[in-house]
Protein backbone atom coordinates (compact mmCIF):
# COMPACT_ATOMS: atom_id res chain seq x y z
CA UNK A 1 -93.62 12.76 66.40
CA UNK A 2 -91.79 15.29 68.54
CA UNK A 3 -87.98 14.88 68.73
CA UNK A 4 -86.28 14.66 72.11
CA UNK A 5 -84.19 17.64 73.35
CA UNK A 6 -81.07 15.44 73.23
CA UNK A 7 -81.61 14.64 69.51
CA UNK A 8 -82.25 18.28 68.82
CA UNK A 9 -78.95 19.17 70.59
CA UNK A 10 -77.05 16.53 68.58
CA UNK A 11 -78.53 17.89 65.39
CA UNK A 12 -77.41 21.42 66.23
CA UNK A 13 -73.88 20.15 67.07
CA UNK A 14 -73.79 18.22 63.79
CA UNK A 15 -74.86 21.30 61.84
CA UNK A 16 -72.32 23.52 63.65
CA UNK A 17 -69.41 21.11 63.04
CA UNK A 18 -69.99 21.31 59.31
CA UNK A 19 -70.83 24.99 59.17
CA UNK A 20 -68.98 27.85 57.50
CA UNK A 21 -68.96 29.66 60.89
CA UNK A 22 -66.74 26.95 62.42
CA UNK A 23 -64.53 27.00 59.30
CA UNK A 24 -64.00 30.75 59.75
CA UNK A 25 -63.23 30.32 63.48
CA UNK A 26 -60.72 27.55 62.72
CA UNK A 27 -58.96 29.54 59.98
CA UNK A 28 -58.72 32.62 62.25
CA UNK A 29 -57.40 30.45 65.12
CA UNK A 30 -54.70 28.97 62.90
CA UNK A 31 -53.71 32.47 61.80
CA UNK A 32 -53.51 33.77 65.40
CA UNK A 33 -51.44 30.74 66.50
CA UNK A 34 -49.09 31.22 63.54
CA UNK A 35 -48.67 34.89 64.48
CA UNK A 36 -47.93 33.98 68.10
CA UNK A 37 -45.45 31.37 66.90
CA UNK A 38 -43.69 33.98 64.72
CA UNK A 39 -43.36 36.27 67.75
CA UNK A 40 -41.96 33.41 69.92
CA UNK A 41 -39.46 32.51 67.17
CA UNK A 42 -38.26 36.14 66.94
CA UNK A 43 -37.89 36.51 70.73
CA UNK A 44 -36.51 33.05 71.47
CA UNK A 45 -35.73 30.54 68.73
CA UNK A 46 -37.40 28.04 66.35
CA UNK A 47 -37.28 25.17 68.82
CA UNK A 48 -39.15 27.14 71.50
CA UNK A 49 -41.76 28.24 68.98
CA UNK A 50 -42.23 24.64 67.79
CA UNK A 51 -42.69 23.18 71.26
CA UNK A 52 -44.68 25.89 72.97
CA UNK A 53 -46.82 27.05 70.05
CA UNK A 54 -46.88 24.95 66.88
CA UNK A 55 -47.01 21.64 68.77
CA UNK A 56 -49.13 22.93 71.64
CA UNK A 57 -52.40 21.38 72.77
CA UNK A 58 -54.46 24.37 71.44
CA UNK A 59 -52.84 23.98 68.00
CA UNK A 60 -53.64 20.26 68.05
CA UNK A 61 -57.20 21.03 69.19
CA UNK A 62 -57.64 23.54 66.39
CA UNK A 63 -56.51 20.98 63.81
CA UNK A 64 -58.92 18.41 65.25
CA UNK A 65 -61.81 20.84 64.76
CA UNK A 66 -60.55 21.55 61.27
CA UNK A 67 -60.65 17.80 60.44
CA UNK A 68 -64.16 17.46 61.90
CA UNK A 69 -65.34 20.50 59.92
CA UNK A 70 -63.93 19.06 56.70
CA UNK A 71 -65.56 15.66 57.22
CA UNK A 72 -68.97 16.88 58.38
CA UNK A 73 -69.20 19.58 55.72
CA UNK A 74 -68.86 16.83 53.09
CA UNK A 75 -71.46 14.69 54.86
CA UNK A 76 -73.88 17.65 54.87
CA UNK A 77 -74.04 17.43 51.06
CA UNK A 78 -75.14 13.79 50.95
CA UNK A 79 -76.55 12.48 48.63
CA UNK A 80 -73.63 13.68 46.56
CA UNK A 81 -73.90 14.83 42.96
CA UNK A 82 -71.46 15.56 40.17
CA UNK A 83 -71.16 19.16 41.18
CA UNK A 84 -69.79 18.08 44.59
CA UNK A 85 -66.80 16.14 43.14
CA UNK A 86 -64.41 19.08 43.23
CA UNK A 87 -65.53 20.16 46.74
CA UNK A 88 -65.14 16.65 48.10
CA UNK A 89 -61.75 16.18 46.42
CA UNK A 90 -60.35 19.40 47.97
CA UNK A 91 -61.60 18.47 51.44
CA UNK A 92 -60.28 14.91 51.12
CA UNK A 93 -56.94 16.27 49.95
CA UNK A 94 -56.61 18.43 53.04
CA UNK A 95 -57.37 15.46 55.27
CA UNK A 96 -54.80 13.31 53.44
CA UNK A 97 -52.28 16.14 53.81
CA UNK A 98 -52.96 16.31 57.55
CA UNK A 99 -52.60 12.55 57.84
CA UNK A 100 -49.18 12.67 56.12
CA UNK A 101 -48.08 15.44 58.50
CA UNK A 102 -49.07 13.32 61.52
CA UNK A 103 -47.06 10.38 60.16
CA UNK A 104 -44.02 12.65 59.71
CA UNK A 105 -44.38 14.13 63.19
CA UNK A 106 -44.73 10.81 64.97
CA UNK A 107 -42.46 8.48 63.00
CA UNK A 108 -40.17 10.75 60.96
CA UNK A 109 -36.44 11.26 61.48
CA UNK A 110 -34.78 14.67 61.23
CA UNK A 111 -31.23 14.81 62.61
CA UNK A 112 -27.59 15.15 61.78
CA UNK A 113 -24.68 12.75 61.28
CA UNK A 114 -21.15 13.88 62.16
CA UNK A 115 -18.36 12.16 60.17
CA UNK A 116 -14.68 12.79 60.70
CA UNK A 117 -12.43 12.11 57.70
CA UNK A 118 -11.27 8.48 57.59
CA UNK A 119 -13.68 7.59 60.43
CA UNK A 120 -16.98 5.77 60.81
CA UNK A 121 -20.28 6.64 62.44
CA UNK A 122 -23.76 5.16 62.70
CA UNK A 123 -25.39 7.43 65.25
CA UNK A 124 -27.71 10.28 64.27
CA UNK A 125 -28.07 13.17 66.67
CA UNK A 126 -31.78 13.98 66.99
CA UNK A 127 -33.56 17.19 68.01
CA UNK A 128 -35.32 15.59 70.98
CA UNK A 129 -33.61 14.82 74.31
CA UNK A 130 -33.00 12.01 76.80
CA UNK A 131 -31.75 11.84 80.40
CA UNK A 132 -29.63 8.93 81.61
CA UNK A 133 -27.92 7.72 84.76
CA UNK A 134 -25.07 5.17 84.66
CA UNK A 135 -23.01 3.69 87.49
CA UNK A 136 -19.42 2.67 86.71
CA UNK A 137 -17.53 0.46 89.22
CA UNK A 138 -13.78 0.24 89.88
CA UNK A 139 -13.38 -2.05 86.88
CA UNK A 140 -15.00 0.56 84.57
CA UNK A 141 -18.09 -1.63 84.08
CA UNK A 142 -21.07 0.67 83.54
CA UNK A 143 -24.66 -0.21 84.53
CA UNK A 144 -27.60 1.89 83.29
CA UNK A 145 -30.20 2.83 85.91
CA UNK A 146 -32.23 5.22 83.83
CA UNK A 147 -32.48 6.12 80.15
CA UNK A 148 -35.57 8.27 79.63
CA UNK A 149 -36.78 10.64 76.90
CA UNK A 150 -37.43 14.13 78.33
CA UNK A 151 -38.74 17.48 77.24
CA UNK A 152 -38.23 19.81 80.20
CA UNK A 153 -39.35 22.88 78.19
CA UNK A 154 -42.85 21.41 77.98
CA UNK A 155 -43.03 19.18 81.06
CA UNK A 156 -41.36 20.24 84.32
CA UNK A 157 -38.68 17.88 85.72
CA UNK A 158 -40.10 14.93 87.67
CA UNK A 159 -37.14 12.55 87.80
CA UNK A 160 -36.44 10.95 91.21
CA UNK A 161 -34.17 7.86 91.21
CA UNK A 162 -33.02 5.82 94.20
CA UNK A 163 -29.99 3.55 93.87
CA UNK A 164 -29.37 1.84 97.20
CA UNK A 165 -28.89 4.60 99.73
CA UNK A 166 -28.29 7.20 97.01
CA UNK A 167 -31.00 9.52 95.72
CA UNK A 168 -30.68 11.50 92.47
CA UNK A 169 -33.36 14.10 91.58
CA UNK A 170 -33.80 16.62 88.81
CA UNK A 171 -35.05 19.68 90.67
CA UNK A 172 -34.91 22.56 88.20
CA UNK A 173 -34.57 23.38 84.52
CA UNK A 174 -33.24 26.53 82.80
CA UNK A 175 -33.92 26.78 79.05
CA UNK A 176 -31.32 29.49 78.35
CA UNK A 177 -28.25 29.61 80.49
CA UNK A 178 -24.63 30.77 80.27
CA UNK A 179 -22.13 28.20 81.59
CA UNK A 180 -19.36 29.07 84.06
CA UNK A 181 -16.66 26.77 85.41
CA UNK A 182 -15.64 27.11 89.07
CA UNK A 183 -12.50 25.43 90.40
CA UNK A 184 -11.89 25.11 94.13
CA UNK A 185 -8.54 23.83 95.47
CA UNK A 186 -9.32 21.11 97.93
CA UNK A 187 -6.06 20.12 99.62
CA UNK A 188 -6.72 17.93 102.62
CA UNK A 189 -10.32 17.02 101.69
CA UNK A 190 -11.29 13.36 101.39
CA UNK A 191 -14.31 13.93 99.11
CA UNK A 192 -14.30 11.27 96.32
CA UNK A 193 -14.88 14.05 93.77
CA UNK A 194 -11.58 15.71 94.73
CA UNK A 195 -9.06 14.83 92.03
CA UNK A 196 -6.09 16.48 90.29
CA UNK A 197 -7.05 19.34 87.94
CA UNK A 198 -5.18 21.34 85.33
CA UNK A 199 -5.87 24.43 83.32
CA UNK A 200 -4.11 24.38 79.95
CA UNK A 201 -3.82 26.85 77.07
CA UNK A 202 -3.29 25.77 73.48
CA UNK A 203 -2.20 28.51 71.11
CA UNK A 204 -0.40 29.52 67.95
CA UNK A 205 -0.69 32.55 65.65
CA UNK A 206 -4.29 31.60 64.72
CA UNK A 207 -5.87 29.94 67.80
CA UNK A 208 -5.97 30.56 71.51
CA UNK A 209 -8.08 28.22 73.68
CA UNK A 210 -8.16 27.45 77.39
CA UNK A 211 -9.56 24.32 79.04
CA UNK A 212 -9.98 22.93 82.57
CA UNK A 213 -9.40 19.14 82.75
CA UNK A 214 -9.94 16.65 85.55
CA UNK A 215 -9.81 12.78 85.44
CA UNK A 216 -11.61 10.33 87.67
CA UNK A 217 -9.93 7.58 89.64
CA UNK A 218 -10.30 5.11 86.74
CA UNK A 219 -10.80 7.27 83.63
CA UNK A 220 -8.65 9.98 82.03
CA UNK A 221 -10.17 13.25 80.87
CA UNK A 222 -9.97 13.25 77.04
CA UNK A 223 -10.86 16.23 74.90
CA UNK A 224 -11.07 15.85 71.13
CA UNK A 225 -9.57 18.97 69.49
CA UNK A 226 -10.16 18.38 65.78
CA UNK A 227 -7.21 16.36 64.46
CA UNK A 228 -5.71 15.67 67.92
CA UNK A 229 -6.61 14.57 71.45
CA UNK A 230 -5.72 16.32 74.69
CA UNK A 231 -5.49 13.83 77.60
CA UNK A 232 -5.02 14.33 81.35
CA UNK A 233 -4.58 11.06 83.25
CA UNK A 234 -4.16 10.41 86.95
CA UNK A 235 -1.23 8.02 86.55
CA UNK A 236 -0.77 5.40 83.78
CA UNK A 237 -2.40 5.84 80.38
CA UNK A 238 -2.21 3.71 77.23
CA UNK A 239 -2.00 6.09 74.24
CA UNK A 240 -4.38 5.66 71.33
CA UNK A 241 -2.82 3.98 68.31
CA UNK A 242 -2.43 5.93 65.08
CA UNK A 243 -3.51 9.23 66.61
CA UNK A 244 -2.17 12.68 67.46
CA UNK A 245 -2.24 12.98 71.28
CA UNK A 246 -0.78 15.16 73.93
CA UNK A 247 -0.86 13.33 77.28
CA UNK A 248 -0.37 14.94 80.71
CA UNK A 249 0.11 12.57 83.65
CA UNK A 250 0.40 13.03 87.37
CA UNK A 251 3.61 11.97 89.14
CA UNK A 252 3.54 10.12 92.47
CA UNK A 253 3.62 12.53 95.45
CA UNK A 254 4.69 15.46 93.25
CA UNK A 255 2.51 18.46 93.83
CA UNK A 256 4.20 20.78 91.30
CA UNK A 257 5.24 18.74 88.28
CA UNK A 258 3.46 16.71 85.62
CA UNK A 259 4.92 14.48 82.97
CA UNK A 260 3.98 14.93 79.33
CA UNK A 261 4.15 12.83 76.16
CA UNK A 262 3.47 13.93 72.59
CA UNK A 263 2.40 11.34 70.01
CA UNK A 264 2.25 11.94 66.24
CA UNK A 265 0.12 9.96 63.78
CA UNK A 266 2.35 10.82 60.83
CA UNK A 267 5.49 9.71 62.70
CA UNK A 268 3.92 6.54 64.12
CA UNK A 269 4.31 7.16 67.83
CA UNK A 270 6.09 9.10 70.56
CA UNK A 271 7.96 12.17 69.41
CA UNK A 272 8.58 14.08 72.63
CA UNK A 273 8.35 13.61 76.44
CA UNK A 274 9.43 15.39 79.57
CA UNK A 275 8.17 17.23 82.67
CA UNK A 276 6.28 20.49 83.01
CA UNK A 277 5.33 22.89 85.81
CA UNK A 278 2.67 25.61 86.02
CA UNK A 279 3.71 28.58 83.87
CA UNK A 280 5.89 26.52 81.50
CA UNK A 281 5.31 26.00 77.80
CA UNK A 282 6.07 23.11 75.41
CA UNK A 283 6.06 22.76 71.63
CA UNK A 284 3.62 20.06 70.46
CA UNK A 285 5.09 19.70 66.95
CA UNK A 286 1.59 20.08 65.40
CA UNK A 287 1.16 23.17 63.22
CA UNK A 288 3.28 25.35 65.54
CA UNK A 289 0.83 24.74 68.42
CA UNK A 290 2.19 25.31 71.91
CA UNK A 291 0.79 24.17 75.23
CA UNK A 292 1.09 26.29 78.38
CA UNK A 293 0.30 24.77 81.76
CA UNK A 294 -1.53 27.64 83.44
CA UNK A 295 -2.52 25.90 86.72
CA UNK A 296 -2.07 22.53 88.40
CA UNK A 297 -3.93 21.51 91.54
CA UNK A 298 -3.04 18.09 92.99
CA UNK A 299 -6.45 18.14 94.62
CA UNK A 300 -9.31 20.19 93.36
CA UNK A 301 -13.07 20.22 92.89
CA UNK A 302 -14.51 21.43 89.58
CA UNK A 303 -18.14 22.61 89.46
CA UNK A 304 -20.02 23.99 86.52
CA UNK A 305 -22.62 26.66 87.22
CA UNK A 306 -25.16 28.30 84.91
CA UNK A 307 -26.42 31.86 84.82
CA UNK A 308 -30.04 31.90 83.71
CA UNK A 309 -30.93 34.35 80.93
CA UNK A 310 -34.34 35.45 79.66
CA UNK A 311 -33.52 35.00 76.00
CA UNK A 312 -31.16 32.66 74.09
CA UNK A 313 -27.81 33.78 72.60
CA UNK A 314 -25.22 31.83 70.54
CA UNK A 315 -23.44 31.08 73.85
CA UNK A 316 -26.43 29.82 75.87
CA UNK A 317 -27.56 26.26 76.43
CA UNK A 318 -30.27 24.58 78.48
CA UNK A 319 -29.33 23.12 81.86
CA UNK A 320 -30.81 21.04 84.69
CA UNK A 321 -30.21 21.12 88.41
CA UNK A 322 -29.31 17.75 89.95
CA UNK A 323 -29.78 16.99 93.68
CA UNK A 324 -27.50 14.17 94.80
CA UNK A 325 -28.02 13.16 98.43
CA UNK A 326 -28.71 16.80 99.31
CA UNK A 327 -25.91 18.31 97.22
CA UNK A 328 -26.89 20.51 94.24
CA UNK A 329 -25.06 20.24 90.92
CA UNK A 330 -25.73 21.72 87.44
CA UNK A 331 -25.61 19.82 84.17
CA UNK A 332 -25.66 21.47 80.71
CA UNK A 333 -27.11 19.99 77.52
CA UNK A 334 -24.76 17.36 75.97
CA UNK A 335 -22.61 17.45 79.08
CA UNK A 336 -21.67 14.75 81.56
CA UNK A 337 -21.93 15.08 85.34
CA UNK A 338 -19.71 12.81 87.46
CA UNK A 339 -20.92 12.04 90.95
CA UNK A 340 -18.36 10.12 92.99
CA UNK A 341 -18.82 7.27 95.44
CA UNK A 342 -16.13 5.50 97.40
CA UNK A 343 -15.34 2.90 94.73
CA UNK A 344 -17.62 3.92 91.89
CA UNK A 345 -18.88 6.97 90.00
CA UNK A 346 -22.25 7.97 88.57
CA UNK A 347 -22.26 9.34 85.01
CA UNK A 348 -25.35 11.49 84.38
CA UNK A 349 -26.12 12.84 80.92
CA UNK A 350 -28.68 15.22 79.53
CA UNK A 351 -28.24 15.17 75.78
CA UNK A 352 -29.75 15.01 72.32
CA UNK A 353 -31.18 11.55 71.66
CA UNK A 354 -29.08 9.39 69.40
CA UNK A 355 -30.61 7.09 66.78
CA UNK A 356 -28.80 3.97 65.54
CA UNK A 357 -29.01 3.79 61.76
CA UNK A 358 -28.33 0.05 61.81
CA UNK A 359 -25.36 0.41 59.44
CA UNK A 360 -22.00 2.21 59.43
CA UNK A 361 -21.03 5.10 57.19
CA UNK A 362 -17.32 5.76 56.55
CA UNK A 363 -16.10 9.12 55.28
CA UNK A 364 -13.30 8.29 52.78
CA UNK A 365 -12.79 11.79 51.37
CA UNK A 366 -14.19 15.29 51.66
CA UNK A 367 -13.76 18.03 49.08
CA UNK A 368 -14.48 21.75 49.30
CA UNK A 369 -14.80 24.06 46.33
CA UNK A 370 -13.89 27.70 46.97
CA UNK A 371 -14.94 30.91 45.26
CA UNK A 372 -12.01 32.16 43.19
CA UNK A 373 -9.62 34.29 45.19
CA UNK A 374 -11.39 33.65 48.53
CA UNK A 375 -11.62 30.98 51.22
CA UNK A 376 -15.40 31.05 51.13
CA UNK A 377 -16.92 27.60 50.38
CA UNK A 378 -18.83 27.48 47.08
CA UNK A 379 -19.60 23.75 47.18
CA UNK A 380 -18.66 20.67 49.20
CA UNK A 381 -19.13 16.94 48.81
CA UNK A 382 -18.46 13.74 50.72
CA UNK A 383 -17.22 10.42 49.40
CA UNK A 384 -18.70 7.86 51.77
CA UNK A 385 -18.60 4.11 52.07
CA UNK A 386 -21.98 2.77 53.23
CA UNK A 387 -22.18 -0.63 54.81
CA UNK A 388 -24.17 -2.92 52.49
CA UNK A 389 -24.15 -0.40 49.63
CA UNK A 390 -20.58 0.53 48.86
CA UNK A 391 -18.99 3.80 47.96
CA UNK A 392 -21.23 6.77 47.08
CA UNK A 393 -20.89 10.53 46.70
CA UNK A 394 -23.07 13.01 48.56
CA UNK A 395 -22.97 16.62 47.40
CA UNK A 396 -25.04 19.76 48.04
CA UNK A 397 -27.49 18.95 45.18
CA UNK A 398 -27.17 15.14 45.14
CA UNK A 399 -28.42 13.43 48.31
CA UNK A 400 -28.06 9.72 49.02
CA UNK A 401 -31.17 7.57 49.58
CA UNK A 402 -30.75 4.27 51.43
CA UNK A 403 -33.03 2.07 53.59
CA UNK A 404 -35.69 4.83 53.84
CA UNK A 405 -33.19 7.51 54.89
CA UNK A 406 -32.12 10.50 52.81
CA UNK A 407 -28.66 11.94 53.52
CA UNK A 408 -28.06 15.55 52.51
CA UNK A 409 -24.72 17.38 52.52
CA UNK A 410 -25.50 20.05 55.16
CA UNK A 411 -22.18 21.47 56.36
CA UNK A 412 -18.61 20.70 57.27
CA UNK A 413 -16.01 21.42 59.95
CA UNK A 414 -12.52 22.66 59.32
CA UNK A 415 -9.25 23.04 61.21
CA UNK A 416 -8.98 26.69 62.34
CA UNK A 417 -5.19 26.51 61.90
CA UNK A 418 -4.88 25.15 58.38
CA UNK A 419 -8.36 25.78 56.96
CA UNK A 420 -8.49 22.15 55.88
CA UNK A 421 -11.76 20.21 56.39
CA UNK A 422 -11.71 17.72 59.27
CA UNK A 423 -15.34 16.49 59.28
CA UNK A 424 -18.48 16.38 57.18
CA UNK A 425 -21.95 17.00 58.63
CA UNK A 426 -24.84 15.25 56.96
CA UNK A 427 -28.50 16.02 57.45
CA UNK A 428 -30.48 12.78 57.88
CA UNK A 429 -34.15 12.67 57.00
CA UNK A 430 -36.79 9.93 56.98
CA UNK A 431 -40.34 10.97 56.14
CA UNK A 432 -42.95 8.19 56.11
CA UNK A 433 -45.65 10.81 55.38
CA UNK A 434 -43.99 12.32 52.35
CA UNK A 435 -46.04 10.55 49.69
CA UNK A 436 -49.26 11.08 51.60
CA UNK A 437 -48.47 14.83 51.66
CA UNK A 438 -47.72 14.80 47.93
CA UNK A 439 -50.98 12.93 47.30
CA UNK A 440 -52.95 15.42 49.44
CA UNK A 441 -51.45 18.41 47.64
CA UNK A 442 -52.25 16.84 44.26
CA UNK A 443 -55.85 16.19 45.33
CA UNK A 444 -56.26 19.80 46.46
CA UNK A 445 -55.03 21.10 43.09
CA UNK A 446 -57.23 18.68 41.12
CA UNK A 447 -60.23 19.43 43.34
CA UNK A 448 -59.82 23.20 42.88
CA UNK A 449 -59.69 22.75 39.11
CA UNK A 450 -62.79 20.59 39.18
CA UNK A 451 -64.66 23.15 41.35
CA UNK A 452 -64.04 25.92 38.86
CA UNK A 453 -64.22 24.12 35.50
CA UNK A 454 -66.62 21.26 36.22
CA UNK A 455 -69.06 23.74 37.77
CA UNK A 456 -69.10 25.84 34.61
CA UNK A 457 -69.48 22.71 32.51
CA UNK A 458 -72.47 21.46 34.52
CA UNK A 459 -74.14 24.82 34.33
CA UNK A 460 -73.72 24.94 30.54
CA UNK A 461 -74.99 21.35 30.20
CA UNK A 462 -78.06 22.03 32.27
CA UNK A 463 -78.75 25.23 30.36
CA UNK A 464 -78.46 23.48 27.00
CA UNK A 465 -80.87 20.71 28.06
CA UNK A 466 -83.55 23.27 29.06
CA UNK A 467 -83.32 24.98 25.72
């Protein structure tokens, strides 16, 4: 009986899917994609290579054909015999290894946990991103209008949100940009975004840093500077208890002078207060640090702009363009854009996604070992208190495993003035595909051994039987 053309076609496809020709094409394709990924990583960075090459649709398509080739090539050898055991084990091991990698990619966790000494944290900073829009009213109550995972490097921006009469759109994305801050004095303007602004310089014999600061109508601008906070408030401010803080506050109808207050954690409260004008300097009492008030604008508008670059540098970041009722603003990664209304303010963030561990981790103590005669770190370890587990030590070679997570000692942060550590950085990993990958690798090794040794054994057995 003559076979139909369709069955003949299916037969050819079936033969091709399990053929050595397809296997060669797949292997060459993987090699080419890996080479392209290496070039992207050298020209840009690892993240760009991962998203545009290694996780691209053509890489996924190549792996699908690889899986089909492995499965069908095994089916071609049915009915199976003893000599096929090694071959089948190797192919099954590769499939199990691929399955474990898929589990890791889809459900795994790979992020970092930042712990200041004598503080607590439960939020892991992930490598993927999310975009959010919040509206805070005059009572500082914040309402979320959008919290959405995004990957603007792979998918162009398509966010368009309407809140009443307001419209917020993401109109552009720049993967590598250099941030610049522009300050425009705005005396006489009634724009809600016009607020007092200061430019301050903190310096001693080891550091020299300059910052622009601007509060909102209801919230002070607070910048965490290692062991201390720098605060600029438009009027009254309640200082943080048990903290080092330097607080600048506006004075009613005074366009030249600010008040200042210095609080010390070790001395349990206020240690200094007074008034300051632009150009004047005060001693903070912390490690010989001085504060100089470089500029003070009673009314100003601060905008951040970004210069697009072709390639990343240590100073670049990604940024998005926001259109708010026809006005264009720029927002950098892990920054906050404030868009003002008459009695409220929008807070827009584009940041690394944060994962809630479900339990707190406290950093009780951090220790750094130095190479003799140098300040170079030789080893470091964290003494942490884990909610539900108790006190544990995490060092460079001794990770902590708890509730499916593995915490590795990755790095630390130190005070540039004293060289003393101020925070520990832990790498957080959760890999649901780990044991599948281990099993797949073991199967490949066992299968390869069987292919070589069992094949020789079967040949000798068959030869002996004939004689």
